[in-house]
Amino acid sequence: MNTSIEYEQLALRANSLREELHTEIDRMLNDVIKFKIHVQRNLDDYEGFVTDELEKELGSDEMREDTRNLDM
């Protein structure tokens, strides 16, 4: 009888612990996903910035070449 009660208590504690761990893992996964989305968004923004700067740089170089041709 005593062992049966102890077994039930251990089973209940194991289920409770399993639920706590599941909740904690779920929270950690959500944090990782949010971080990943944040990094992806910033990389995308940075890629757009680099593209814009490159276009500006190439555009100003092309204008300088056109001006040089007109000066000659």
PDB file of N, CA and C in Angstrom:
ATOM      1  N   MET A   1       0.832  -1.195   0.000  1.00  0.00           N
ATOM      2  CA  MET A   1       0.000   0.000   0.000  1.00  0.00           C
ATOM      3  C   MET A   1       0.876   1.257   0.000  1.00  0.00           C
ATOM      4  N   ASN A   2       1.903   1.274   0.835  1.00  0.00           N
ATOM      5  CA  ASN A   2       2.790   2.422   0.933  1.00  0.00           C
ATOM      6  C   ASN A   2       3.526   2.670  -0.378  1.00  0.00           C
ATOM      7  N   THR A   3       3.993   1.582  -0.984  1.00  0.00           N
ATOM      8  CA  THR A   3       4.724   1.734  -2.245  1.00  0.00           C
ATOM      9  C   THR A   3       3.810   2.224  -3.350  1.00  0.00           C
ATOM     10  N   SER A   4       2.560   1.829  -3.301  1.00  0.00           N
ATOM     11  CA  SER A   4       1.588   2.275  -4.305  1.00  0.00           C
ATOM     12  C   SER A   4       1.375   3.785  -4.209  1.00  0.00           C
ATOM     13  N   ILE A   5       1.274   4.298  -3.003  1.00  0.00           N
ATOM     14  CA  ILE A   5       1.088   5.736  -2.794  1.00  0.00           C
ATOM     15  C   ILE A   5       2.339   6.498  -3.229  1.00  0.00           C
ATOM     16  N   GLU A   6       3.504   5.961  -2.871  1.00  0.00           N
ATOM     17  CA  GLU A   6       4.754   6.612  -3.275  1.00  0.00           C
ATOM     18  C   GLU A   6       4.891   6.631  -4.798  1.00  0.00           C
ATOM     19  N   TYR A   7       4.505   5.518  -5.428  1.00  0.00           N
ATOM     20  CA  TYR A   7       4.578   5.448  -6.891  1.00  0.00           C
ATOM     21  C   TYR A   7       3.670   6.506  -7.528  1.00  0.00           C
ATOM     22  N   GLU A   8       2.455   6.639  -7.009  1.00  0.00           N
ATOM     23  CA  GLU A   8       1.519   7.635  -7.536  1.00  0.00           C
ATOM     24  C   GLU A   8       2.071   9.046  -7.356  1.00  0.00           C
ATOM     25  N   GLN A   9       2.680   9.307  -6.197  1.00  0.00           N
ATOM     26  CA  GLN A   9       3.264  10.624  -5.955  1.00  0.00           C
ATOM     27  C   GLN A   9       4.422  10.896  -6.918  1.00  0.00           C
ATOM     28  N   LEU A  10       5.257   9.879  -7.138  1.00  0.00           N
ATOM     29  CA  LEU A  10       6.360  10.035  -8.086  1.00  0.00           C
ATOM     30  C   LEU A  10       5.842  10.253  -9.506  1.00  0.00           C
ATOM     31  N   ALA A  11       4.802   9.538  -9.876  1.00  0.00           N
ATOM     32  CA  ALA A  11       4.224   9.693 -11.215  1.00  0.00           C
ATOM     33  C   ALA A  11       3.647  11.094 -11.384  1.00  0.00           C
ATOM     34  N   LEU A  12       2.961  11.585 -10.360  1.00  0.00           N
ATOM     35  CA  LEU A  12       2.410  12.939 -10.428  1.00  0.00           C
ATOM     36  C   LEU A  12       3.524  13.976 -10.512  1.00  0.00           C
ATOM     37  N   ARG A  13       4.568  13.775  -9.718  1.00  0.00           N
ATOM     38  CA  ARG A  13       5.705  14.714  -9.745  1.00  0.00           C
ATOM     39  C   ARG A  13       6.398  14.673 -11.104  1.00  0.00           C
ATOM     40  N   ALA A  14       6.538  13.485 -11.680  1.00  0.00           N
ATOM     41  CA  ALA A  14       7.167  13.358 -12.999  1.00  0.00           C
ATOM     42  C   ALA A  14       6.338  14.080 -14.059  1.00  0.00           C
ATOM     43  N   ASN A  15       5.034  13.932 -14.000  1.00  0.00           N
ATOM     44  CA  ASN A  15       4.168  14.630 -14.958  1.00  0.00           C
ATOM     45  C   ASN A  15       4.257  16.139 -14.785  1.00  0.00           C
ATOM     46  N   SER A  16       4.286  16.581 -13.535  1.00  0.00           N
ATOM     47  CA  SER A  16       4.405  18.011 -13.261  1.00  0.00           C
ATOM     48  C   SER A  16       5.737  18.552 -13.777  1.00  0.00           C
ATOM     49  N   LEU A  17       6.809  17.811 -13.519  1.00  0.00           N
ATOM     50  CA  LEU A  17       8.130  18.227 -13.992  1.00  0.00           C
ATOM     51  C   LEU A  17       8.190  18.236 -15.517  1.00  0.00           C
ATOM     52  N   ARG A  18       7.598  17.229 -16.147  1.00  0.00           N
ATOM     53  CA  ARG A  18       7.562  17.164 -17.610  1.00  0.00           C
ATOM     54  C   ARG A  18       6.834  18.386 -18.178  1.00  0.00           C
ATOM     55  N   GLU A  19       5.744  18.765 -17.553  1.00  0.00           N
ATOM     56  CA  GLU A  19       4.991  19.932 -18.013  1.00  0.00           C
ATOM     57  C   GLU A  19       5.795  21.222 -17.833  1.00  0.00           C
ATOM     58  N   GLU A  20       6.492  21.350 -16.706  1.00  0.00           N
ATOM     59  CA  GLU A  20       7.334  22.530 -16.475  1.00  0.00           C
ATOM     60  C   GLU A  20       8.439  22.621 -17.519  1.00  0.00           C
ATOM     61  N   LEU A  21       9.081  21.482 -17.786  1.00  0.00           N
ATOM     62  CA  LEU A  21      10.158  21.464 -18.779  1.00  0.00           C
ATOM     63  C   LEU A  21       9.626  21.786 -20.173  1.00  0.00           C
ATOM     64  N   HIS A  22       8.470  21.250 -20.496  1.00  0.00           N
ATOM     65  CA  HIS A  22       7.865  21.536 -21.797  1.00  0.00           C
ATOM     66  C   HIS A  22       7.575  23.033 -21.937  1.00  0.00           C
ATOM     67  N   THR A  23       7.040  23.630 -20.890  1.00  0.00           N
ATOM     68  CA  THR A  23       6.745  25.063 -20.912  1.00  0.00           C
ATOM     69  C   THR A  23       8.023  25.877 -21.079  1.00  0.00           C
ATOM     70  N   GLU A  24       9.083  25.480 -20.373  1.00  0.00           N
ATOM     71  CA  GLU A  24      10.355  26.198 -20.462  1.00  0.00           C
ATOM     72  C   GLU A  24      10.974  26.055 -21.855  1.00  0.00           C
ATOM     73  N   ILE A  25      10.919  24.862 -22.424  1.00  0.00           N
ATOM     74  CA  ILE A  25      11.446  24.648 -23.779  1.00  0.00           C
ATOM     75  C   ILE A  25      10.647  25.461 -24.784  1.00  0.00           C
ATOM     76  N   ASP A  26       9.342  25.510 -24.613  1.00  0.00           N
ATOM     77  CA  ASP A  26       8.490  26.303 -25.501  1.00  0.00           C
ATOM     78  C   ASP A  26       8.873  27.782 -25.434  1.00  0.00           C
ATOM     79  N   ARG A  27       9.119  28.287 -24.239  1.00  0.00           N
ATOM     80  CA  ARG A  27       9.523  29.682 -24.065  1.00  0.00           C
ATOM     81  C   ARG A  27      10.873  29.942 -24.730  1.00  0.00           C
ATOM     82  N   MET A  28      11.809  29.011 -24.535  1.00  0.00           N
ATOM     83  CA  MET A  28      13.134  29.171 -25.141  1.00  0.00           C
ATOM     84  C   MET A  28      13.048  29.148 -26.666  1.00  0.00           C
ATOM     85  N   LEU A  29      12.248  28.258 -27.215  1.00  0.00           N
ATOM     86  CA  LEU A  29      12.081  28.206 -28.670  1.00  0.00           C
ATOM     87  C   LEU A  29      11.487  29.507 -29.201  1.00  0.00           C
ATOM     88  N   ASN A  30      10.516  30.044 -28.493  1.00  0.00           N
ATOM     89  CA  ASN A  30       9.933  31.321 -28.916  1.00  0.00           C
ATOM     90  C   ASN A  30      10.972  32.435 -28.891  1.00  0.00           C
ATOM     91  N   ASP A  31      11.818  32.455 -27.866  1.00  0.00           N
ATOM     92  CA  ASP A  31      12.883  33.464 -27.798  1.00  0.00           C
ATOM     93  C   ASP A  31      13.860  33.316 -28.958  1.00  0.00           C
ATOM     94  N   VAL A  32      14.234  32.080 -29.271  1.00  0.00           N
ATOM     95  CA  VAL A  32      15.162  31.836 -30.380  1.00  0.00           C
ATOM     96  C   VAL A  32      14.534  32.257 -31.704  1.00  0.00           C
ATOM     97  N   ILE A  33      13.270  31.956 -31.895  1.00  0.00           N
ATOM     98  CA  ILE A  33      12.583  32.328 -33.136  1.00  0.00           C
ATOM     99  C   ILE A  33      12.505  33.846 -33.268  1.00  0.00           C
ATOM    100  N   LYS A  34      12.171  34.530 -32.182  1.00  0.00           N
ATOM    101  CA  LYS A  34      12.121  35.996 -32.219  1.00  0.00           C
ATOM    102  C   LYS A  34      13.490  36.583 -32.555  1.00  0.00           C
ATOM    103  N   PHE A  35      14.548  36.019 -31.963  1.00  0.00           N
ATOM    104  CA  PHE A  35      15.900  36.496 -32.240  1.00  0.00           C
ATOM    105  C   PHE A  35      16.262  36.261 -33.703  1.00  0.00           C
ATOM    106  N   LYS A  36      15.924  35.094 -34.221  1.00  0.00           N
ATOM    107  CA  LYS A  36      16.222  34.766 -35.617  1.00  0.00           C
ATOM    108  C   LYS A  36      15.503  35.734 -36.555  1.00  0.00           C
ATOM    109  N   ILE A  37      14.256  36.015 -36.286  1.00  0.00           N
ATOM    110  CA  ILE A  37      13.498  36.949 -37.116  1.00  0.00           C
ATOM    111  C   ILE A  37      14.115  38.340 -37.033  1.00  0.00           C
ATOM    112  N   HIS A  38      14.527  38.747 -35.842  1.00  0.00           N
ATOM    113  CA  HIS A  38      15.174  40.051 -35.658  1.00  0.00           C
ATOM    114  C   HIS A  38      16.454  40.139 -36.484  1.00  0.00           C
ATOM    115  N   VAL A  39      17.283  39.099 -36.425  1.00  0.00           N
ATOM    116  CA  VAL A  39      18.539  39.087 -37.179  1.00  0.00           C
ATOM    117  C   VAL A  39      18.258  39.101 -38.676  1.00  0.00           C
ATOM    118  N   GLN A  40      17.306  38.298 -39.130  1.00  0.00           N
ATOM    119  CA  GLN A  40      16.977  38.265 -40.557  1.00  0.00           C
ATOM    120  C   GLN A  40      16.489  39.630 -41.040  1.00  0.00           C
ATOM    121  N   ARG A  41      15.646  40.270 -40.247  1.00  0.00           N
ATOM    122  CA  ARG A  41      15.122  41.579 -40.630  1.00  0.00           C
ATOM    123  C   ARG A  41      16.256  42.597 -40.735  1.00  0.00           C
ATOM    124  N   ASN A  42      17.156  42.589 -39.746  1.00  0.00           N
ATOM    125  CA  ASN A  42      18.280  43.528 -39.781  1.00  0.00           C
ATOM    126  C   ASN A  42      19.220  43.246 -40.940  1.00  0.00           C
ATOM    127  N   LEU A  43      19.458  41.977 -41.248  1.00  0.00           N
ATOM    128  CA  LEU A  43      20.301  41.639 -42.398  1.00  0.00           C
ATOM    129  C   LEU A  43      19.652  42.102 -43.698  1.00  0.00           C
ATOM    130  N   ASP A  44      18.348  41.938 -43.790  1.00  0.00           N
ATOM    131  CA  ASP A  44      17.631  42.386 -44.981  1.00  0.00           C
ATOM    132  C   ASP A  44      17.708  43.908 -45.114  1.00  0.00           C
ATOM    133  N   ASP A  45      17.520  44.617 -44.001  1.00  0.00           N
ATOM    134  CA  ASP A  45      17.643  46.077 -44.020  1.00  0.00           C
ATOM    135  C   ASP A  45      19.052  46.501 -44.419  1.00  0.00           C
ATOM    136  N   TYR A  46      20.048  45.817 -43.880  1.00  0.00           N
ATOM    137  CA  TYR A  46      21.437  46.153 -44.193  1.00  0.00           C
ATOM    138  C   TYR A  46      21.736  45.871 -45.665  1.00  0.00           C
ATOM    139  N   GLU A  47      21.206  44.774 -46.180  1.00  0.00           N
ATOM    140  CA  GLU A  47      21.411  44.460 -47.595  1.00  0.00           C
ATOM    141  C   GLU A  47      20.809  45.557 -48.477  1.00  0.00           C
ATOM    142  N   GLY A  48      19.630  46.038 -48.105  1.00  0.00           N
ATOM    143  CA  GLY A  48      19.021  47.139 -48.839  1.00  0.00           C
ATOM    144  C   GLY A  48      19.861  48.399 -48.759  1.00  0.00           C
ATOM    145  N   PHE A  49      20.399  48.682 -47.582  1.00  0.00           N
ATOM    146  CA  PHE A  49      21.258  49.852 -47.399  1.00  0.00           C
ATOM    147  C   PHE A  49      22.501  49.750 -48.279  1.00  0.00           C
ATOM    148  N   VAL A  50      23.147  48.577 -48.270  1.00  0.00           N
ATOM    149  CA  VAL A  50      24.354  48.383 -49.075  1.00  0.00           C
ATOM    150  C   VAL A  50      24.027  48.524 -50.558  1.00  0.00           C
ATOM    151  N   THR A  51      22.911  47.979 -50.982  1.00  0.00           N
ATOM    152  CA  THR A  51      22.500  48.091 -52.383  1.00  0.00           C
ATOM    153  C   THR A  51      22.281  49.549 -52.764  1.00  0.00           C
ATOM    154  N   ASP A  52      21.586  50.294 -51.908  1.00  0.00           N
ATOM    155  CA  ASP A  52      21.356  51.719 -52.181  1.00  0.00           C
ATOM    156  C   ASP A  52      22.668  52.487 -52.265  1.00  0.00           C
ATOM    157  N   GLU A  53      23.567  52.224 -51.328  1.00  0.00           N
ATOM    158  CA  GLU A  53      24.856  52.918 -51.338  1.00  0.00           C
ATOM    159  C   GLU A  53      25.664  52.561 -52.584  1.00  0.00           C
ATOM    160  N   LEU A  54      25.609  51.305 -52.988  1.00  0.00           N
ATOM    161  CA  LEU A  54      26.328  50.876 -54.184  1.00  0.00           C
ATOM    162  C   LEU A  54      25.758  51.555 -55.421  1.00  0.00           C
ATOM    163  N   GLU A  55      24.439  51.642 -55.484  1.00  0.00           N
ATOM    164  CA  GLU A  55      23.818  52.318 -56.623  1.00  0.00           C
ATOM    165  C   GLU A  55      24.190  53.797 -56.644  1.00  0.00           C
ATOM    166  N   LYS A  56      24.214  54.428 -55.474  1.00  0.00           N
ATOM    167  CA  LYS A  56      24.624  55.836 -55.410  1.00  0.00           C
ATOM    168  C   LYS A  56      26.063  55.991 -55.875  1.00  0.00           C
ATOM    169  N   GLU A  57      26.932  55.097 -55.383  1.00  0.00           N
ATOM    170  CA  GLU A  57      28.350  55.157 -55.740  1.00  0.00           C
ATOM    171  C   GLU A  57      28.536  54.951 -57.239  1.00  0.00           C
ATOM    172  N   LEU A  58      27.893  53.944 -57.777  1.00  0.00           N
ATOM    173  CA  LEU A  58      28.028  53.672 -59.208  1.00  0.00           C
ATOM    174  C   LEU A  58      27.384  54.782 -60.031  1.00  0.00           C
ATOM    175  N   GLY A  59      26.276  55.309 -59.549  1.00  0.00           N
ATOM    176  CA  GLY A  59      25.616  56.398 -60.254  1.00  0.00           C
ATOM    177  C   GLY A  59      26.479  57.633 -60.299  1.00  0.00           C
ATOM    178  N   SER A  60      27.133  57.972 -59.197  1.00  0.00           N
ATOM    179  CA  SER A  60      27.984  59.167 -59.182  1.00  0.00           C
ATOM    180  C   SER A  60      29.234  58.934 -60.016  1.00  0.00           C
ATOM    181  N   ASP A  61      29.770  57.710 -60.037  1.00  0.00           N
ATOM    182  CA  ASP A  61      30.922  57.407 -60.889  1.00  0.00           C
ATOM    183  C   ASP A  61      30.548  57.528 -62.358  1.00  0.00           C
ATOM    184  N   GLU A  62      29.380  57.043 -62.724  1.00  0.00           N
ATOM    185  CA  GLU A  62      28.939  57.139 -64.117  1.00  0.00           C
ATOM    186  C   GLU A  62      28.749  58.595 -64.515  1.00  0.00           C
ATOM    187  N   MET A  63      28.231  59.406 -63.584  1.00  0.00           N
ATOM    188  CA  MET A  63      28.043  60.825 -63.893  1.00  0.00           C
ATOM    189  C   MET A  63      29.395  61.502 -64.097  1.00  0.00           C
ATOM    190  N   ARG A  64      30.374  61.136 -63.275  1.00  0.00           N
ATOM    191  CA  ARG A  64      31.706  61.720 -63.430  1.00  0.00           C
ATOM    192  C   ARG A  64      32.306  61.326 -64.774  1.00  0.00           C
ATOM    193  N   GLU A  65      32.117  60.084 -65.185  1.00  0.00           N
ATOM    194  CA  GLU A  65      32.645  59.637 -66.478  1.00  0.00           C
ATOM    195  C   GLU A  65      31.968  60.401 -67.615  1.00  0.00           C
ATOM    196  N   ASP A  66      30.649  60.613 -67.493  1.00  0.00           N
ATOM    197  CA  ASP A  66      29.930  61.375 -68.524  1.00  0.00           C
ATOM    198  C   ASP A  66      30.444  62.804 -68.577  1.00  0.00           C
ATOM    199  N   THR A  67      30.705  63.392 -67.421  1.00  0.00           N
ATOM    200  CA  THR A  67      31.199  64.767 -67.378  1.00  0.00           C
ATOM    201  C   THR A  67      32.584  64.855 -67.991  1.00  0.00           C
ATOM    202  N   ARG A  68      33.404  63.876 -67.709  1.00  0.00           N
ATOM    203  CA  ARG A  68      34.745  63.870 -68.300  1.00  0.00           C
ATOM    204  C   ARG A  68      34.663  63.795 -69.815  1.00  0.00           C
ATOM    205  N   ASN A  69      33.755  62.996 -70.310  1.00  0.00           N
ATOM    206  CA  ASN A  69      33.611  62.871 -71.761  1.00  0.00           C
ATOM    207  C   ASN A  69      33.158  64.194 -72.378  1.00  0.00           C
ATOM    208  N   LEU A  70      32.295  64.915 -71.677  1.00  0.00           N
ATOM    209  CA  LEU A  70      31.827  66.192 -72.202  1.00  0.00           C
ATOM    210  C   LEU A  70      32.942  67.233 -72.175  1.00  0.00           C
ATOM    211  N   ASP A  71      33.809  67.175 -71.156  1.00  0.00           N
ATOM    212  CA  ASP A  71      34.896  68.137 -71.040  1.00  0.00           C
ATOM    213  C   ASP A  71      35.920  67.964 -72.152  1.00  0.00           C
ATOM    214  N   MET A  72      36.067  66.780 -72.661  1.00  0.00           N
ATOM    215  CA  MET A  72      37.086  66.529 -73.677  1.00  0.00           C
ATOM    216  C   MET A  72      36.634  67.092 -74.949  1.00  0.00           C
TER     217      MET A  72
END
